[in-house]
Amino acid sequence: MTTRTALPYRSTLLLLAPAYLVAELITWTFVLLKDRHNAGNKLRAYGWTLRNWRLIMSKRRATQRLRRAGDREMLKSTGYAIDFGQASGGIDARIARLVFNPLFFVMRMILLAVVWW
């Protein structure tokens, strides 16, 4: 693989941000509608991430130095479908699958069209 710079990889993270935000909205919707007693777990996870941000970034930099595949190659191997049945059964899971999996598919196709690094 060619020499990498930080800019393309930060660009990939920026391009992935909408999908991450949609996924978080889906998660929070589920938590607030079906699993309210565990909402504190998500808040604690955010807190842990903030408290350990330097450690996370240090480990990320170490991992990035070991990478042999570019972002595009990695994106090509990702999926887009979420198994909503794990969190909710019945009609809720079917509706979520019909709405969100096509959305994630489109987002993935856009990423693959844009990311060439």
N, C-alpha and C. Protein backbone atom coordinates (compact mmCIF):
# COMPACT_ATOMS: atom_id res chain seq x y z
N MET A 1 0.84 -1.17 0.00
CA MET A 1 0.00 0.00 0.00
C MET A 1 0.89 1.24 0.00
N THR A 2 0.40 2.29 -0.59
CA THR A 2 1.17 3.52 -0.67
C THR A 2 1.19 4.23 0.68
N THR A 3 2.07 5.22 0.78
CA THR A 3 2.17 5.99 2.01
C THR A 3 0.85 6.70 2.29
N ARG A 4 0.42 6.64 3.53
CA ARG A 4 -0.86 7.24 3.91
C ARG A 4 -0.63 8.58 4.57
N THR A 5 -1.60 9.46 4.41
CA THR A 5 -1.61 10.69 5.18
C THR A 5 -2.86 10.67 6.03
N ALA A 6 -2.90 11.53 7.02
CA ALA A 6 -4.05 11.55 7.95
C ALA A 6 -5.30 12.08 7.27
N LEU A 7 -5.14 12.99 6.31
CA LEU A 7 -6.31 13.64 5.72
C LEU A 7 -7.32 12.69 5.09
N PRO A 8 -6.93 11.75 4.23
CA PRO A 8 -7.95 10.86 3.66
C PRO A 8 -8.69 10.06 4.72
N TYR A 9 -7.99 9.62 5.76
CA TYR A 9 -8.63 8.80 6.77
C TYR A 9 -9.57 9.61 7.64
N ARG A 10 -9.21 10.84 7.91
CA ARG A 10 -10.14 11.72 8.61
C ARG A 10 -11.34 12.01 7.72
N SER A 11 -11.10 12.14 6.43
CA SER A 11 -12.20 12.35 5.49
C SER A 11 -13.17 11.18 5.52
N THR A 12 -12.64 9.97 5.61
CA THR A 12 -13.50 8.79 5.67
C THR A 12 -14.34 8.83 6.93
N LEU A 13 -13.74 9.19 8.06
CA LEU A 13 -14.51 9.29 9.30
C LEU A 13 -15.62 10.33 9.17
N LEU A 14 -15.31 11.44 8.53
CA LEU A 14 -16.31 12.48 8.32
C LEU A 14 -17.44 11.96 7.42
N LEU A 15 -17.08 11.22 6.38
CA LEU A 15 -18.09 10.66 5.47
C LEU A 15 -18.95 9.59 6.15
N LEU A 16 -18.37 8.89 7.12
CA LEU A 16 -19.12 7.87 7.86
C LEU A 16 -20.02 8.46 8.94
N ALA A 17 -19.79 9.70 9.31
CA ALA A 17 -20.53 10.32 10.41
C ALA A 17 -22.05 10.25 10.25
N PRO A 18 -22.62 10.52 9.06
CA PRO A 18 -24.09 10.41 8.96
C PRO A 18 -24.62 9.02 9.29
N ALA A 19 -23.93 7.98 8.84
CA ALA A 19 -24.37 6.61 9.15
C ALA A 19 -24.28 6.34 10.65
N TYR A 20 -23.20 6.81 11.28
CA TYR A 20 -23.06 6.64 12.72
C TYR A 20 -24.17 7.38 13.46
N LEU A 21 -24.50 8.59 13.02
CA LEU A 21 -25.56 9.36 13.67
C LEU A 21 -26.92 8.68 13.52
N VAL A 22 -27.20 8.15 12.33
CA VAL A 22 -28.47 7.43 12.13
C VAL A 22 -28.50 6.20 13.04
N ALA A 23 -27.40 5.48 13.12
CA ALA A 23 -27.35 4.30 13.99
C ALA A 23 -27.57 4.68 15.45
N GLU A 24 -27.00 5.79 15.89
CA GLU A 24 -27.22 6.25 17.27
C GLU A 24 -28.67 6.64 17.48
N LEU A 25 -29.27 7.31 16.50
CA LEU A 25 -30.69 7.66 16.62
C LEU A 25 -31.57 6.42 16.73
N ILE A 26 -31.25 5.41 15.94
CA ILE A 26 -32.00 4.14 16.00
C ILE A 26 -31.84 3.54 17.39
N THR A 27 -30.61 3.52 17.89
CA THR A 27 -30.35 2.93 19.20
C THR A 27 -31.10 3.68 20.29
N TRP A 28 -31.01 5.02 20.27
CA TRP A 28 -31.70 5.80 21.30
C TRP A 28 -33.22 5.65 21.21
N THR A 29 -33.73 5.56 20.00
CA THR A 29 -35.17 5.35 19.84
C THR A 29 -35.59 4.04 20.49
N PHE A 30 -34.83 2.98 20.20
CA PHE A 30 -35.14 1.70 20.82
C PHE A 30 -35.05 1.79 22.34
N VAL A 31 -33.96 2.38 22.84
CA VAL A 31 -33.77 2.47 24.29
C VAL A 31 -34.93 3.23 24.94
N LEU A 32 -35.30 4.36 24.35
CA LEU A 32 -36.36 5.18 24.96
C LEU A 32 -37.74 4.54 24.85
N LEU A 33 -37.99 3.80 23.78
CA LEU A 33 -39.31 3.19 23.61
C LEU A 33 -39.45 1.82 24.25
N LYS A 34 -38.38 1.04 24.26
CA LYS A 34 -38.51 -0.36 24.66
C LYS A 34 -37.62 -0.78 25.83
N ASP A 35 -36.61 0.02 26.16
CA ASP A 35 -35.61 -0.45 27.12
C ASP A 35 -35.13 0.69 28.02
N ARG A 36 -36.06 1.52 28.45
CA ARG A 36 -35.73 2.75 29.18
C ARG A 36 -34.85 2.52 30.41
N HIS A 37 -35.06 1.40 31.07
CA HIS A 37 -34.29 1.15 32.29
C HIS A 37 -32.79 0.98 32.01
N ASN A 38 -32.39 0.77 30.75
CA ASN A 38 -30.98 0.64 30.41
C ASN A 38 -30.40 1.89 29.76
N ALA A 39 -31.13 2.98 29.75
CA ALA A 39 -30.63 4.22 29.14
C ALA A 39 -29.34 4.69 29.81
N GLY A 40 -29.22 4.46 31.10
CA GLY A 40 -28.01 4.84 31.82
C GLY A 40 -26.77 4.15 31.28
N ASN A 41 -26.93 2.93 30.73
CA ASN A 41 -25.79 2.22 30.17
C ASN A 41 -25.17 3.00 29.01
N LYS A 42 -26.01 3.55 28.15
CA LYS A 42 -25.50 4.33 27.02
C LYS A 42 -24.82 5.59 27.52
N LEU A 43 -25.40 6.24 28.49
CA LEU A 43 -24.79 7.45 29.03
C LEU A 43 -23.45 7.15 29.69
N ARG A 44 -23.38 6.03 30.41
CA ARG A 44 -22.11 5.63 31.02
C ARG A 44 -21.07 5.31 29.95
N ALA A 45 -21.50 4.71 28.85
CA ALA A 45 -20.57 4.41 27.75
C ALA A 45 -20.02 5.69 27.14
N TYR A 46 -20.86 6.69 26.97
CA TYR A 46 -20.38 7.99 26.48
C TYR A 46 -19.36 8.58 27.45
N GLY A 47 -19.68 8.51 28.73
CA GLY A 47 -18.77 9.04 29.75
C GLY A 47 -17.43 8.31 29.73
N TRP A 48 -17.47 6.98 29.63
CA TRP A 48 -16.23 6.21 29.58
C TRP A 48 -15.40 6.62 28.37
N THR A 49 -16.07 6.79 27.24
CA THR A 49 -15.36 7.19 26.02
C THR A 49 -14.69 8.55 26.21
N LEU A 50 -15.39 9.49 26.79
CA LEU A 50 -14.80 10.81 27.02
C LEU A 50 -13.64 10.74 28.00
N ARG A 51 -13.78 9.98 29.07
CA ARG A 51 -12.71 9.87 30.05
C ARG A 51 -11.47 9.17 29.50
N ASN A 52 -11.67 8.28 28.56
CA ASN A 52 -10.57 7.48 28.01
C ASN A 52 -10.18 7.89 26.60
N TRP A 53 -10.56 9.09 26.19
CA TRP A 53 -10.33 9.54 24.81
C TRP A 53 -8.86 9.46 24.41
N ARG A 54 -7.97 9.92 25.27
CA ARG A 54 -6.53 9.88 24.93
C ARG A 54 -6.06 8.45 24.71
N LEU A 55 -6.46 7.54 25.58
CA LEU A 55 -6.09 6.13 25.43
C LEU A 55 -6.64 5.56 24.13
N ILE A 56 -7.90 5.86 23.85
CA ILE A 56 -8.53 5.37 22.62
C ILE A 56 -7.76 5.87 21.40
N MET A 57 -7.43 7.16 21.38
CA MET A 57 -6.72 7.73 20.24
C MET A 57 -5.31 7.16 20.12
N SER A 58 -4.65 6.92 21.24
CA SER A 58 -3.32 6.32 21.23
C SER A 58 -3.37 4.92 20.62
N LYS A 59 -4.33 4.14 21.04
CA LYS A 59 -4.47 2.77 20.50
C LYS A 59 -4.88 2.82 19.03
N ARG A 60 -5.70 3.80 18.66
CA ARG A 60 -6.09 3.93 17.25
C ARG A 60 -4.88 4.24 16.38
N ARG A 61 -4.02 5.16 16.85
CA ARG A 61 -2.81 5.49 16.08
C ARG A 61 -1.92 4.26 15.92
N ALA A 62 -1.78 3.48 16.99
CA ALA A 62 -0.96 2.26 16.92
C ALA A 62 -1.55 1.27 15.92
N THR A 63 -2.85 1.12 15.94
CA THR A 63 -3.52 0.22 15.00
C THR A 63 -3.38 0.72 13.57
N GLN A 64 -3.53 2.02 13.37
CA GLN A 64 -3.42 2.59 12.02
C GLN A 64 -2.02 2.35 11.43
N ARG A 65 -0.99 2.37 12.27
CA ARG A 65 0.36 2.11 11.77
C ARG A 65 0.51 0.69 11.26
N LEU A 66 -0.29 -0.24 11.77
CA LEU A 66 -0.21 -1.64 11.37
C LEU A 66 -1.06 -1.97 10.15
N ARG A 67 -1.95 -1.06 9.78
CA ARG A 67 -2.89 -1.32 8.68
C ARG A 67 -2.18 -1.58 7.37
N ARG A 68 -2.71 -2.52 6.62
CA ARG A 68 -2.19 -2.82 5.29
C ARG A 68 -3.24 -2.55 4.21
N ALA A 69 -4.47 -2.38 4.61
CA ALA A 69 -5.56 -2.15 3.66
C ALA A 69 -6.00 -0.70 3.73
N GLY A 70 -6.34 -0.14 2.59
CA GLY A 70 -6.87 1.21 2.54
C GLY A 70 -8.33 1.25 2.95
N ASP A 71 -8.83 2.45 3.13
CA ASP A 71 -10.22 2.60 3.56
C ASP A 71 -11.20 1.99 2.57
N ARG A 72 -10.98 2.20 1.29
CA ARG A 72 -11.90 1.67 0.28
C ARG A 72 -11.96 0.15 0.35
N GLU A 73 -10.80 -0.47 0.48
CA GLU A 73 -10.77 -1.94 0.57
C GLU A 73 -11.53 -2.42 1.80
N MET A 74 -11.38 -1.71 2.90
CA MET A 74 -12.10 -2.10 4.11
C MET A 74 -13.60 -1.86 3.97
N LEU A 75 -13.99 -0.74 3.36
CA LEU A 75 -15.41 -0.44 3.17
C LEU A 75 -16.08 -1.48 2.27
N LYS A 76 -15.34 -1.98 1.29
CA LYS A 76 -15.90 -2.99 0.39
C LYS A 76 -16.27 -4.27 1.12
N SER A 77 -15.62 -4.53 2.24
CA SER A 77 -15.89 -5.76 2.98
C SER A 77 -16.95 -5.58 4.06
N THR A 78 -17.50 -4.38 4.20
CA THR A 78 -18.49 -4.14 5.25
C THR A 78 -19.90 -4.50 4.77
N GLY A 79 -20.74 -4.77 5.70
CA GLY A 79 -22.14 -4.99 5.40
C GLY A 79 -22.94 -3.72 5.65
N TYR A 80 -24.21 -3.80 5.39
CA TYR A 80 -25.07 -2.63 5.59
C TYR A 80 -26.35 -2.99 6.33
N ALA A 81 -26.66 -4.26 6.44
CA ALA A 81 -27.92 -4.68 7.04
C ALA A 81 -27.77 -4.85 8.55
N ILE A 82 -28.77 -4.40 9.27
CA ILE A 82 -28.81 -4.56 10.71
C ILE A 82 -29.87 -5.60 11.04
N ASP A 83 -29.54 -6.50 11.95
CA ASP A 83 -30.49 -7.51 12.40
C ASP A 83 -31.33 -6.91 13.53
N PHE A 84 -32.39 -6.24 13.15
CA PHE A 84 -33.25 -5.59 14.15
C PHE A 84 -33.98 -6.59 15.03
N GLY A 85 -34.05 -7.83 14.59
CA GLY A 85 -34.70 -8.85 15.39
C GLY A 85 -34.00 -9.10 16.72
N GLN A 86 -32.72 -8.73 16.81
CA GLN A 86 -32.00 -8.89 18.07
C GLN A 86 -32.55 -7.97 19.15
N ALA A 87 -33.02 -6.80 18.73
CA ALA A 87 -33.48 -5.81 19.70
C ALA A 87 -35.00 -5.80 19.85
N SER A 88 -35.69 -6.11 18.80
CA SER A 88 -37.14 -6.02 18.82
C SER A 88 -37.69 -7.02 17.83
N GLY A 89 -38.70 -7.71 18.22
CA GLY A 89 -39.29 -8.68 17.32
C GLY A 89 -40.54 -8.16 16.63
N GLY A 90 -41.11 -8.97 15.79
CA GLY A 90 -42.38 -8.66 15.17
C GLY A 90 -42.35 -7.53 14.18
N ILE A 91 -43.44 -6.78 14.17
CA ILE A 91 -43.65 -5.73 13.18
C ILE A 91 -42.62 -4.61 13.31
N ASP A 92 -42.20 -4.29 14.54
CA ASP A 92 -41.18 -3.25 14.74
C ASP A 92 -39.90 -3.58 13.98
N ALA A 93 -39.45 -4.81 14.12
CA ALA A 93 -38.21 -5.23 13.45
C ALA A 93 -38.39 -5.21 11.94
N ARG A 94 -39.53 -5.64 11.46
CA ARG A 94 -39.76 -5.66 10.00
C ARG A 94 -39.79 -4.25 9.43
N ILE A 95 -40.47 -3.34 10.12
CA ILE A 95 -40.53 -1.94 9.64
C ILE A 95 -39.13 -1.32 9.66
N ALA A 96 -38.41 -1.52 10.76
CA ALA A 96 -37.05 -0.97 10.86
C ALA A 96 -36.17 -1.53 9.76
N ARG A 97 -36.27 -2.82 9.49
CA ARG A 97 -35.48 -3.45 8.43
C ARG A 97 -35.83 -2.85 7.07
N LEU A 98 -37.12 -2.64 6.81
CA LEU A 98 -37.56 -2.08 5.52
C LEU A 98 -37.14 -0.63 5.34
N VAL A 99 -37.08 0.12 6.42
CA VAL A 99 -36.74 1.54 6.34
C VAL A 99 -35.23 1.76 6.35
N PHE A 100 -34.56 1.16 7.33
CA PHE A 100 -33.16 1.52 7.57
C PHE A 100 -32.14 0.73 6.75
N ASN A 101 -32.40 -0.55 6.49
CA ASN A 101 -31.40 -1.29 5.71
C ASN A 101 -31.22 -0.72 4.31
N PRO A 102 -32.28 -0.32 3.59
CA PRO A 102 -32.04 0.35 2.30
C PRO A 102 -31.28 1.67 2.46
N LEU A 103 -31.57 2.40 3.53
CA LEU A 103 -30.86 3.65 3.78
C LEU A 103 -29.36 3.39 3.98
N PHE A 104 -29.02 2.40 4.80
CA PHE A 104 -27.62 2.07 5.01
C PHE A 104 -26.98 1.53 3.73
N PHE A 105 -27.74 0.82 2.91
CA PHE A 105 -27.22 0.34 1.63
C PHE A 105 -26.83 1.53 0.74
N VAL A 106 -27.72 2.51 0.65
CA VAL A 106 -27.43 3.71 -0.16
C VAL A 106 -26.23 4.46 0.40
N MET A 107 -26.17 4.60 1.71
CA MET A 107 -25.02 5.28 2.32
C MET A 107 -23.72 4.55 1.98
N ARG A 108 -23.75 3.23 2.05
CA ARG A 108 -22.55 2.44 1.74
C ARG A 108 -22.16 2.62 0.28
N MET A 109 -23.12 2.62 -0.62
CA MET A 109 -22.82 2.80 -2.05
C MET A 109 -22.23 4.18 -2.31
N ILE A 110 -22.74 5.19 -1.66
CA ILE A 110 -22.19 6.55 -1.80
C ILE A 110 -20.74 6.58 -1.31
N LEU A 111 -20.50 5.97 -0.16
CA LEU A 111 -19.14 5.92 0.37
C LEU A 111 -18.20 5.23 -0.62
N LEU A 112 -18.63 4.11 -1.17
CA LEU A 112 -17.78 3.39 -2.11
C LEU A 112 -17.54 4.20 -3.39
N ALA A 113 -18.49 5.05 -3.75
CA ALA A 113 -18.31 5.90 -4.93
C ALA A 113 -17.35 7.04 -4.66
N VAL A 114 -17.26 7.46 -3.41
CA VAL A 114 -16.46 8.65 -3.06
C VAL A 114 -15.06 8.29 -2.56
N VAL A 115 -14.97 7.23 -1.76
CA VAL A 115 -13.69 6.90 -1.13
C VAL A 115 -12.82 6.10 -2.10
N TRP A 116 -11.71 6.69 -2.49
CA TRP A 116 -10.77 6.03 -3.40
C TRP A 116 -9.43 5.79 -2.73
N TRP A 117 -9.27 6.13 -1.47
CA TRP A 117 -8.00 5.96 -0.78
C TRP A 117 -8.01 4.71 0.05
